[in-house]
PDB file of N, CA and C in Angstrom:
ATOM      1  N   UNK A   1      -2.826 -38.643 -36.123  1.00  0.00           N
ATOM      2  CA  UNK A   1      -2.190 -37.449 -36.647  1.00  0.00           C
ATOM      3  C   UNK A   1      -3.142 -36.677 -37.556  1.00  0.00           C
ATOM      4  N   UNK A   2      -4.010 -37.343 -38.246  1.00  0.00           N
ATOM      5  CA  UNK A   2      -4.957 -36.674 -39.132  1.00  0.00           C
ATOM      6  C   UNK A   2      -5.864 -35.737 -38.337  1.00  0.00           C
ATOM      7  N   UNK A   3      -6.254 -36.155 -37.136  1.00  0.00           N
ATOM      8  CA  UNK A   3      -7.095 -35.316 -36.288  1.00  0.00           C
ATOM      9  C   UNK A   3      -6.382 -34.018 -35.933  1.00  0.00           C
ATOM     10  N   UNK A   4      -5.113 -34.103 -35.563  1.00  0.00           N
ATOM     11  CA  UNK A   4      -4.353 -32.906 -35.211  1.00  0.00           C
ATOM     12  C   UNK A   4      -4.175 -31.983 -36.401  1.00  0.00           C
ATOM     13  N   UNK A   5      -3.975 -32.554 -37.587  1.00  0.00           N
ATOM     14  CA  UNK A   5      -3.862 -31.725 -38.792  1.00  0.00           C
ATOM     15  C   UNK A   5      -5.160 -30.976 -39.052  1.00  0.00           C
ATOM     16  N   UNK A   6      -6.304 -31.657 -38.911  1.00  0.00           N
ATOM     17  CA  UNK A   6      -7.603 -31.009 -39.123  1.00  0.00           C
ATOM     18  C   UNK A   6      -7.843 -29.931 -38.065  1.00  0.00           C
ATOM     19  N   UNK A   7      -7.489 -30.238 -36.836  1.00  0.00           N
ATOM     20  CA  UNK A   7      -7.643 -29.257 -35.765  1.00  0.00           C
ATOM     21  C   UNK A   7      -6.796 -28.023 -36.039  1.00  0.00           C
ATOM     22  N   UNK A   8      -5.583 -28.222 -36.472  1.00  0.00           N
ATOM     23  CA  UNK A   8      -4.696 -27.113 -36.787  1.00  0.00           C
ATOM     24  C   UNK A   8      -5.252 -26.278 -37.931  1.00  0.00           C
ATOM     25  N   UNK A   9      -5.806 -26.916 -38.957  1.00  0.00           N
ATOM     26  CA  UNK A   9      -6.363 -26.199 -40.104  1.00  0.00           C
ATOM     27  C   UNK A   9      -7.632 -25.441 -39.720  1.00  0.00           C
ATOM     28  N   UNK A  10      -8.412 -25.982 -38.797  1.00  0.00           N
ATOM     29  CA  UNK A  10      -9.683 -25.367 -38.422  1.00  0.00           C
ATOM     30  C   UNK A  10      -9.530 -24.308 -37.334  1.00  0.00           C
ATOM     31  N   UNK A  11      -8.383 -24.214 -36.750  1.00  0.00           N
ATOM     32  CA  UNK A  11      -8.174 -23.300 -35.636  1.00  0.00           C
ATOM     33  C   UNK A  11      -7.210 -22.198 -36.040  1.00  0.00           C
ATOM     34  N   UNK A  12      -7.574 -20.984 -35.706  1.00  0.00           N
ATOM     35  CA  UNK A  12      -6.707 -19.841 -35.985  1.00  0.00           C
ATOM     36  C   UNK A  12      -6.242 -19.278 -34.649  1.00  0.00           C
ATOM     37  N   UNK A  13      -4.975 -19.062 -34.525  1.00  0.00           N
ATOM     38  CA  UNK A  13      -4.409 -18.553 -33.287  1.00  0.00           C
ATOM     39  C   UNK A  13      -3.910 -17.135 -33.490  1.00  0.00           C
ATOM     40  N   UNK A  14      -4.174 -16.305 -32.532  1.00  0.00           N
ATOM     41  CA  UNK A  14      -3.616 -14.966 -32.520  1.00  0.00           C
ATOM     42  C   UNK A  14      -2.871 -14.832 -31.204  1.00  0.00           C
ATOM     43  N   UNK A  15      -1.683 -14.360 -31.263  1.00  0.00           N
ATOM     44  CA  UNK A  15      -0.923 -14.197 -30.023  1.00  0.00           C
ATOM     45  C   UNK A  15      -0.143 -12.904 -30.061  1.00  0.00           C
ATOM     46  N   UNK A  16       0.067 -12.387 -28.903  1.00  0.00           N
ATOM     47  CA  UNK A  16       0.883 -11.198 -28.713  1.00  0.00           C
ATOM     48  C   UNK A  16       2.193 -11.673 -28.111  1.00  0.00           C
ATOM     49  N   UNK A  17       3.306 -11.317 -28.705  1.00  0.00           N
ATOM     50  CA  UNK A  17       4.579 -11.753 -28.125  1.00  0.00           C
ATOM     51  C   UNK A  17       4.709 -11.275 -26.677  1.00  0.00           C
ATOM     52  N   UNK A  18       5.157 -12.133 -25.830  1.00  0.00           N
ATOM     53  CA  UNK A  18       5.331 -11.812 -24.416  1.00  0.00           C
ATOM     54  C   UNK A  18       6.803 -11.530 -24.157  1.00  0.00           C
ATOM     55  N   UNK A  19       7.064 -10.457 -23.458  1.00  0.00           N
ATOM     56  CA  UNK A  19       8.441 -10.124 -23.108  1.00  0.00           C
ATOM     57  C   UNK A  19       8.801 -10.875 -21.834  1.00  0.00           C
ATOM     58  N   UNK A  20       9.544 -11.932 -21.973  1.00  0.00           N
ATOM     59  CA  UNK A  20       9.917 -12.726 -20.809  1.00  0.00           C
ATOM     60  C   UNK A  20      11.077 -12.109 -20.036  1.00  0.00           C
ATOM     61  N   UNK A  21      11.684 -11.073 -20.598  1.00  0.00           N
ATOM     62  CA  UNK A  21      12.854 -10.499 -19.941  1.00  0.00           C
ATOM     63  C   UNK A  21      12.485  -9.354 -19.003  1.00  0.00           C
ATOM     64  N   UNK A  22      11.186  -8.996 -18.923  1.00  0.00           N
ATOM     65  CA  UNK A  22      10.797  -7.873 -18.085  1.00  0.00           C
ATOM     66  C   UNK A  22       9.689  -8.272 -17.122  1.00  0.00           C
ATOM     67  N   UNK A  23       9.655  -7.596 -15.998  1.00  0.00           N
ATOM     68  CA  UNK A  23       8.640  -7.855 -14.977  1.00  0.00           C
ATOM     69  C   UNK A  23       8.047  -6.516 -14.546  1.00  0.00           C
ATOM     70  N   UNK A  24       6.726  -6.299 -14.711  1.00  0.00           N
ATOM     71  CA  UNK A  24       6.126  -5.027 -14.321  1.00  0.00           C
ATOM     72  C   UNK A  24       5.769  -4.990 -12.838  1.00  0.00           C
ATOM     73  N   UNK A  25       5.868  -3.806 -12.264  1.00  0.00           N
ATOM     74  CA  UNK A  25       5.422  -3.559 -10.896  1.00  0.00           C
ATOM     75  C   UNK A  25       4.477  -2.371 -10.965  1.00  0.00           C
ATOM     76  N   UNK A  26       3.300  -2.522 -10.378  1.00  0.00           N
ATOM     77  CA  UNK A  26       2.298  -1.465 -10.397  1.00  0.00           C
ATOM     78  C   UNK A  26       2.122  -0.931  -8.980  1.00  0.00           C
ATOM     79  N   UNK A  27       2.220   0.373  -8.851  1.00  0.00           N
ATOM     80  CA  UNK A  27       2.029   1.033  -7.550  1.00  0.00           C
ATOM     81  C   UNK A  27       0.767   1.876  -7.626  1.00  0.00           C
ATOM     82  N   UNK A  28      -0.137   1.681  -6.686  1.00  0.00           N
ATOM     83  CA  UNK A  28      -1.333   2.518  -6.627  1.00  0.00           C
ATOM     84  C   UNK A  28      -1.681   2.757  -5.164  1.00  0.00           C
ATOM     85  N   UNK A  29      -1.745   4.019  -4.808  1.00  0.00           N
ATOM     86  CA  UNK A  29      -2.100   4.408  -3.448  1.00  0.00           C
ATOM     87  C   UNK A  29      -3.399   5.187  -3.507  1.00  0.00           C
ATOM     88  N   UNK A  30      -4.362   4.779  -2.703  1.00  0.00           N
ATOM     89  CA  UNK A  30      -5.631   5.502  -2.628  1.00  0.00           C
ATOM     90  C   UNK A  30      -5.891   5.891  -1.179  1.00  0.00           C
ATOM     91  N   UNK A  31      -6.643   6.958  -1.026  1.00  0.00           N
ATOM     92  CA  UNK A  31      -6.970   7.464   0.303  1.00  0.00           C
ATOM     93  C   UNK A  31      -8.481   7.330   0.489  1.00  0.00           C
ATOM     94  N   UNK A  32      -8.894   6.649   1.559  1.00  0.00           N
ATOM     95  CA  UNK A  32     -10.311   6.396   1.816  1.00  0.00           C
ATOM     96  C   UNK A  32     -10.729   7.051   3.127  1.00  0.00           C
ATOM     97  N   UNK A  33     -11.845   7.781   3.081  1.00  0.00           N
ATOM     98  CA  UNK A  33     -12.341   8.441   4.291  1.00  0.00           C
ATOM     99  C   UNK A  33     -12.959   7.414   5.233  1.00  0.00           C
ATOM    100  N   UNK A  34     -12.764   7.645   6.513  1.00  0.00           N
ATOM    101  CA  UNK A  34     -13.351   6.769   7.541  1.00  0.00           C
ATOM    102  C   UNK A  34     -14.841   7.091   7.658  1.00  0.00           C
ATOM    103  N   UNK A  35     -15.658   6.053   7.617  1.00  0.00           N
ATOM    104  CA  UNK A  35     -17.100   6.223   7.784  1.00  0.00           C
ATOM    105  C   UNK A  35     -17.520   5.971   9.224  1.00  0.00           C
ATOM    106  N   UNK A  36     -16.843   5.040   9.859  1.00  0.00           N
ATOM    107  CA  UNK A  36     -17.135   4.654  11.234  1.00  0.00           C
ATOM    108  C   UNK A  36     -15.890   3.948  11.762  1.00  0.00           C
ATOM    109  N   UNK A  37     -15.882   3.554  13.007  1.00  0.00           N
ATOM    110  CA  UNK A  37     -14.723   2.839  13.533  1.00  0.00           C
ATOM    111  C   UNK A  37     -14.550   1.531  12.772  1.00  0.00           C
ATOM    112  N   UNK A  38     -13.405   1.364  12.132  1.00  0.00           N
ATOM    113  CA  UNK A  38     -13.114   0.146  11.379  1.00  0.00           C
ATOM    114  C   UNK A  38     -13.806   0.064  10.039  1.00  0.00           C
ATOM    115  N   UNK A  39     -14.465   1.131   9.598  1.00  0.00           N
ATOM    116  CA  UNK A  39     -15.174   1.106   8.320  1.00  0.00           C
ATOM    117  C   UNK A  39     -14.766   2.323   7.494  1.00  0.00           C
ATOM    118  N   UNK A  40     -14.396   2.070   6.237  1.00  0.00           N
ATOM    119  CA  UNK A  40     -13.950   3.135   5.349  1.00  0.00           C
ATOM    120  C   UNK A  40     -14.792   3.140   4.080  1.00  0.00           C
ATOM    121  N   UNK A  41     -14.852   4.303   3.412  1.00  0.00           N
ATOM    122  CA  UNK A  41     -15.519   4.377   2.111  1.00  0.00           C
ATOM    123  C   UNK A  41     -14.856   3.415   1.145  1.00  0.00           C
ATOM    124  N   UNK A  42     -15.663   2.780   0.311  1.00  0.00           N
ATOM    125  CA  UNK A  42     -15.092   1.857  -0.676  1.00  0.00           C
ATOM    126  C   UNK A  42     -14.427   2.623  -1.816  1.00  0.00           C
ATOM    127  N   UNK A  43     -14.952   3.804  -2.138  1.00  0.00           N
ATOM    128  CA  UNK A  43     -14.341   4.631  -3.182  1.00  0.00           C
ATOM    129  C   UNK A  43     -13.364   5.590  -2.531  1.00  0.00           C
ATOM    130  N   UNK A  44     -12.157   5.591  -3.046  1.00  0.00           N
ATOM    131  CA  UNK A  44     -11.140   6.465  -2.484  1.00  0.00           C
ATOM    132  C   UNK A  44     -10.540   7.376  -3.532  1.00  0.00           C
ATOM    133  N   UNK A  45      -9.840   8.367  -3.067  1.00  0.00           N
ATOM    134  CA  UNK A  45      -9.143   9.299  -3.948  1.00  0.00           C
ATOM    135  C   UNK A  45      -7.804   8.685  -4.343  1.00  0.00           C
ATOM    136  N   UNK A  46      -7.543   8.653  -5.631  1.00  0.00           N
ATOM    137  CA  UNK A  46      -6.267   8.116  -6.114  1.00  0.00           C
ATOM    138  C   UNK A  46      -5.170   9.131  -5.833  1.00  0.00           C
ATOM    139  N   UNK A  47      -4.139   8.701  -5.131  1.00  0.00           N
ATOM    140  CA  UNK A  47      -3.053   9.593  -4.743  1.00  0.00           C
ATOM    141  C   UNK A  47      -1.828   9.358  -5.619  1.00  0.00           C
ATOM    142  N   UNK A  48      -1.485   8.100  -5.835  1.00  0.00           N
ATOM    143  CA  UNK A  48      -0.310   7.746  -6.635  1.00  0.00           C
ATOM    144  C   UNK A  48      -0.681   6.592  -7.554  1.00  0.00           C
ATOM    145  N   UNK A  49      -0.209   6.679  -8.796  1.00  0.00           N
ATOM    146  CA  UNK A  49      -0.405   5.584  -9.751  1.00  0.00           C
ATOM    147  C   UNK A  49       0.811   5.562 -10.671  1.00  0.00           C
ATOM    148  N   UNK A  50       1.651   4.532 -10.508  1.00  0.00           N
ATOM    149  CA  UNK A  50       2.881   4.447 -11.306  1.00  0.00           C
ATOM    150  C   UNK A  50       3.157   2.999 -11.701  1.00  0.00           C
ATOM    151  N   UNK A  51       3.755   2.846 -12.867  1.00  0.00           N
ATOM    152  CA  UNK A  51       4.236   1.550 -13.351  1.00  0.00           C
ATOM    153  C   UNK A  51       5.750   1.578 -13.381  1.00  0.00           C
ATOM    154  N   UNK A  52       6.340   0.472 -13.032  1.00  0.00           N
ATOM    155  CA  UNK A  52       7.781   0.283 -13.152  1.00  0.00           C
ATOM    156  C   UNK A  52       7.991  -1.008 -13.936  1.00  0.00           C
ATOM    157  N   UNK A  53       8.965  -1.026 -14.815  1.00  0.00           N
ATOM    158  CA  UNK A  53       9.291  -2.242 -15.553  1.00  0.00           C
ATOM    159  C   UNK A  53      10.770  -2.538 -15.360  1.00  0.00           C
ATOM    160  N   UNK A  54      11.055  -3.774 -15.030  1.00  0.00           N
ATOM    161  CA  UNK A  54      12.423  -4.180 -14.739  1.00  0.00           C
ATOM    162  C   UNK A  54      12.782  -5.434 -15.509  1.00  0.00           C
ATOM    163  N   UNK A  55      14.053  -5.559 -15.771  1.00  0.00           N
ATOM    164  CA  UNK A  55      14.569  -6.841 -16.232  1.00  0.00           C
ATOM    165  C   UNK A  55      14.731  -7.715 -15.001  1.00  0.00           C
ATOM    166  N   UNK A  56      14.674  -9.001 -15.177  1.00  0.00           N
ATOM    167  CA  UNK A  56      14.758  -9.907 -14.033  1.00  0.00           C
ATOM    168  C   UNK A  56      16.065  -9.758 -13.272  1.00  0.00           C
ATOM    169  N   UNK A  57      17.085  -9.267 -13.937  1.00  0.00           N
ATOM    170  CA  UNK A  57      18.391  -9.136 -13.289  1.00  0.00           C
ATOM    171  C   UNK A  57      18.582  -7.783 -12.609  1.00  0.00           C
ATOM    172  N   UNK A  58      17.640  -6.852 -12.785  1.00  0.00           N
ATOM    173  CA  UNK A  58      17.756  -5.517 -12.189  1.00  0.00           C
ATOM    174  C   UNK A  58      17.586  -5.569 -10.675  1.00  0.00           C
ATOM    175  N   UNK A  59      18.245  -4.635 -10.002  1.00  0.00           N
ATOM    176  CA  UNK A  59      18.068  -4.468  -8.564  1.00  0.00           C
ATOM    177  C   UNK A  59      16.801  -3.643  -8.349  1.00  0.00           C
ATOM    178  N   UNK A  60      15.871  -4.146  -7.587  1.00  0.00           N
ATOM    179  CA  UNK A  60      14.585  -3.467  -7.396  1.00  0.00           C
ATOM    180  C   UNK A  60      14.415  -2.890  -5.992  1.00  0.00           C
ATOM    181  N   UNK A  61      15.459  -2.925  -5.190  1.00  0.00           N
ATOM    182  CA  UNK A  61      15.354  -2.415  -3.818  1.00  0.00           C
ATOM    183  C   UNK A  61      14.928  -0.950  -3.779  1.00  0.00           C
ATOM    184  N   UNK A  62      15.396  -0.164  -4.746  1.00  0.00           N
ATOM    185  CA  UNK A  62      15.084   1.265  -4.724  1.00  0.00           C
ATOM    186  C   UNK A  62      13.590   1.518  -4.914  1.00  0.00           C
ATOM    187  N   UNK A  63      12.893   0.605  -5.602  1.00  0.00           N
ATOM    188  CA  UNK A  63      11.460   0.803  -5.828  1.00  0.00           C
ATOM    189  C   UNK A  63      10.693   0.679  -4.518  1.00  0.00           C
ATOM    190  N   UNK A  64      11.034  -0.316  -3.721  1.00  0.00           N
ATOM    191  CA  UNK A  64      10.377  -0.466  -2.419  1.00  0.00           C
ATOM    192  C   UNK A  64      10.625   0.772  -1.564  1.00  0.00           C
ATOM    193  N   UNK A  65      11.834   1.302  -1.608  1.00  0.00           N
ATOM    194  CA  UNK A  65      12.163   2.518  -0.864  1.00  0.00           C
ATOM    195  C   UNK A  65      11.376   3.707  -1.401  1.00  0.00           C
ATOM    196  N   UNK A  66      11.287   3.822  -2.723  1.00  0.00           N
ATOM    197  CA  UNK A  66      10.561   4.926  -3.354  1.00  0.00           C
ATOM    198  C   UNK A  66       9.071   4.877  -3.001  1.00  0.00           C
ATOM    199  N   UNK A  67       8.481   3.677  -3.047  1.00  0.00           N
ATOM    200  CA  UNK A  67       7.065   3.517  -2.715  1.00  0.00           C
ATOM    201  C   UNK A  67       6.826   3.843  -1.240  1.00  0.00           C
ATOM    202  N   UNK A  68       7.678   3.339  -0.362  1.00  0.00           N
ATOM    203  CA  UNK A  68       7.532   3.599   1.075  1.00  0.00           C
ATOM    204  C   UNK A  68       7.702   5.086   1.389  1.00  0.00           C
ATOM    205  N   UNK A  69       8.652   5.739   0.719  1.00  0.00           N
ATOM    206  CA  UNK A  69       8.875   7.173   0.924  1.00  0.00           C
ATOM    207  C   UNK A  69       7.656   7.977   0.496  1.00  0.00           C
ATOM    208  N   UNK A  70       7.099   7.651  -0.664  1.00  0.00           N
ATOM    209  CA  UNK A  70       5.919   8.367  -1.157  1.00  0.00           C
ATOM    210  C   UNK A  70       4.727   8.141  -0.238  1.00  0.00           C
ATOM    211  N   UNK A  71       4.552   6.909   0.236  1.00  0.00           N
ATOM    212  CA  UNK A  71       3.456   6.619   1.157  1.00  0.00           C
ATOM    213  C   UNK A  71       3.613   7.424   2.449  1.00  0.00           C
ATOM    214  N   UNK A  72       4.830   7.502   2.966  1.00  0.00           N
ATOM    215  CA  UNK A  72       5.088   8.293   4.175  1.00  0.00           C
ATOM    216  C   UNK A  72       4.780   9.770   3.928  1.00  0.00           C
ATOM    217  N   UNK A  73       5.140  10.292   2.747  1.00  0.00           N
ATOM    218  CA  UNK A  73       4.839  11.687   2.401  1.00  0.00           C
ATOM    219  C   UNK A  73       3.337  11.929   2.370  1.00  0.00           C
ATOM    220  N   UNK A  74       2.597  11.011   1.765  1.00  0.00           N
ATOM    221  CA  UNK A  74       1.141  11.147   1.655  1.00  0.00           C
ATOM    222  C   UNK A  74       0.499  11.132   3.038  1.00  0.00           C
ATOM    223  N   UNK A  75       0.915  10.200   3.880  1.00  0.00           N
ATOM    224  CA  UNK A  75       0.356  10.101   5.234  1.00  0.00           C
ATOM    225  C   UNK A  75       0.711  11.346   6.043  1.00  0.00           C
ATOM    226  N   UNK A  76       1.966  11.791   5.954  1.00  0.00           N
ATOM    227  CA  UNK A  76       2.396  12.985   6.689  1.00  0.00           C
ATOM    228  C   UNK A  76       1.587  14.209   6.242  1.00  0.00           C
ATOM    229  N   UNK A  77       1.410  14.386   4.935  1.00  0.00           N
ATOM    230  CA  UNK A  77       0.641  15.524   4.421  1.00  0.00           C
ATOM    231  C   UNK A  77      -0.807  15.461   4.907  1.00  0.00           C
ATOM    232  N   UNK A  78      -1.376  14.267   4.921  1.00  0.00           N
ATOM    233  CA  UNK A  78      -2.757  14.114   5.391  1.00  0.00           C
ATOM    234  C   UNK A  78      -2.871  14.479   6.872  1.00  0.00           C
ATOM    235  N   UNK A  79      -1.935  14.024   7.679  1.00  0.00           N
ATOM    236  CA  UNK A  79      -1.952  14.341   9.114  1.00  0.00           C
ATOM    237  C   UNK A  79      -1.794  15.848   9.318  1.00  0.00           C
ATOM    238  N   UNK A  80      -0.864  16.470   8.598  1.00  0.00           N
ATOM    239  CA  UNK A  80      -0.657  17.920   8.720  1.00  0.00           C
ATOM    240  C   UNK A  80      -1.911  18.689   8.306  1.00  0.00           C
ATOM    241  N   UNK A  81      -2.548  18.285   7.206  1.00  0.00           N
ATOM    242  CA  UNK A  81      -3.771  18.953   6.755  1.00  0.00           C
ATOM    243  C   UNK A  81      -4.906  18.767   7.758  1.00  0.00           C
ATOM    244  N   UNK A  82      -4.993  17.594   8.363  1.00  0.00           N
ATOM    245  CA  UNK A  82      -6.029  17.336   9.367  1.00  0.00           C
ATOM    246  C   UNK A  82      -5.802  18.195  10.606  1.00  0.00           C
ATOM    247  N   UNK A  83      -4.562  18.298  11.057  1.00  0.00           N
ATOM    248  CA  UNK A  83      -4.238  19.147  12.213  1.00  0.00           C
ATOM    249  C   UNK A  83      -4.607  20.597  11.922  1.00  0.00           C
ATOM    250  N   UNK A  84      -4.256  21.073  10.734  1.00  0.00           N
ATOM    251  CA  UNK A  84      -4.566  22.457  10.357  1.00  0.00           C
ATOM    252  C   UNK A  84      -6.076  22.681  10.307  1.00  0.00           C
ATOM    253  N   UNK A  85      -6.796  21.746   9.687  1.00  0.00           N
ATOM    254  CA  UNK A  85      -8.247  21.882   9.572  1.00  0.00           C
ATOM    255  C   UNK A  85      -8.903  21.895  10.954  1.00  0.00           C
ATOM    256  N   UNK A  86      -8.485  20.986  11.825  1.00  0.00           N
ATOM    257  CA  UNK A  86      -9.065  20.940  13.168  1.00  0.00           C
ATOM    258  C   UNK A  86      -8.703  22.180  13.981  1.00  0.00           C
ATOM    259  N   UNK A  87      -7.497  22.695  13.809  1.00  0.00           N
ATOM    260  CA  UNK A  87      -7.093  23.928  14.503  1.00  0.00           C
ATOM    261  C   UNK A  87      -7.925  25.108  14.028  1.00  0.00           C
ATOM    262  N   UNK A  88      -8.141  25.189  12.706  1.00  0.00           N
ATOM    263  CA  UNK A  88      -8.965  26.269  12.149  1.00  0.00           C
ATOM    264  C   UNK A  88     -10.402  26.180  12.665  1.00  0.00           C
ATOM    265  N   UNK A  89     -10.944  24.961  12.718  1.00  0.00           N
ATOM    266  CA  UNK A  89     -12.306  24.780  13.225  1.00  0.00           C
ATOM    267  C   UNK A  89     -12.388  25.157  14.700  1.00  0.00           C
ATOM    268  N   UNK A  90     -11.369  24.802  15.465  1.00  0.00           N
ATOM    269  CA  UNK A  90     -11.338  25.130  16.891  1.00  0.00           C
ATOM    270  C   UNK A  90     -11.250  26.645  17.091  1.00  0.00           C
ATOM    271  N   UNK A  91     -10.436  27.310  16.265  1.00  0.00           N
ATOM    272  CA  UNK A  91     -10.300  28.771  16.361  1.00  0.00           C
ATOM    273  C   UNK A  91     -11.621  29.461  16.056  1.00  0.00           C
ATOM    274  N   UNK A  92     -12.326  28.970  15.044  1.00  0.00           N
ATOM    275  CA  UNK A  92     -13.621  29.561  14.684  1.00  0.00           C
ATOM    276  C   UNK A  92     -14.650  29.325  15.786  1.00  0.00           C
ATOM    277  N   UNK A  93     -14.620  28.136  16.370  1.00  0.00           N
ATOM    278  CA  UNK A  93     -15.597  27.805  17.415  1.00  0.00           C
ATOM    279  C   UNK A  93     -15.362  28.620  18.687  1.00  0.00           C
ATOM    280  N   UNK A  94     -14.095  28.898  18.973  1.00  0.00           N
ATOM    281  CA  UNK A  94     -13.768  29.650  20.195  1.00  0.00           C
ATOM    282  C   UNK A  94     -13.652  31.149  19.951  1.00  0.00           C
ATOM    283  N   UNK A  95     -13.825  31.545  18.678  1.00  0.00           N
ATOM    284  CA  UNK A  95     -13.897  32.921  18.259  1.00  0.00           C
ATOM    285  C   UNK A  95     -12.904  33.822  18.759  1.00  0.00           C
TER     286      UNK A  95
END
């Protein structure tokens, strides 16, 4: 017991209280340009970055729906912008 007392006296502890009643969820969506078939840039443009915090008893189904909806919006917007860009390039090329 003397050893533990000395260890306790010689050791200083700093702690941050942990909230055991909450669970964080982090959402981050990035868009990476294709470099080649099956190869993408490692650095991407950040599209969405959000934190959600829930109590363990909270219903979290809506978050999965919200994340999936936002991802679908981002992909749809990218496809629409790509179609427009390619159409504009085709119009310029065919004059």
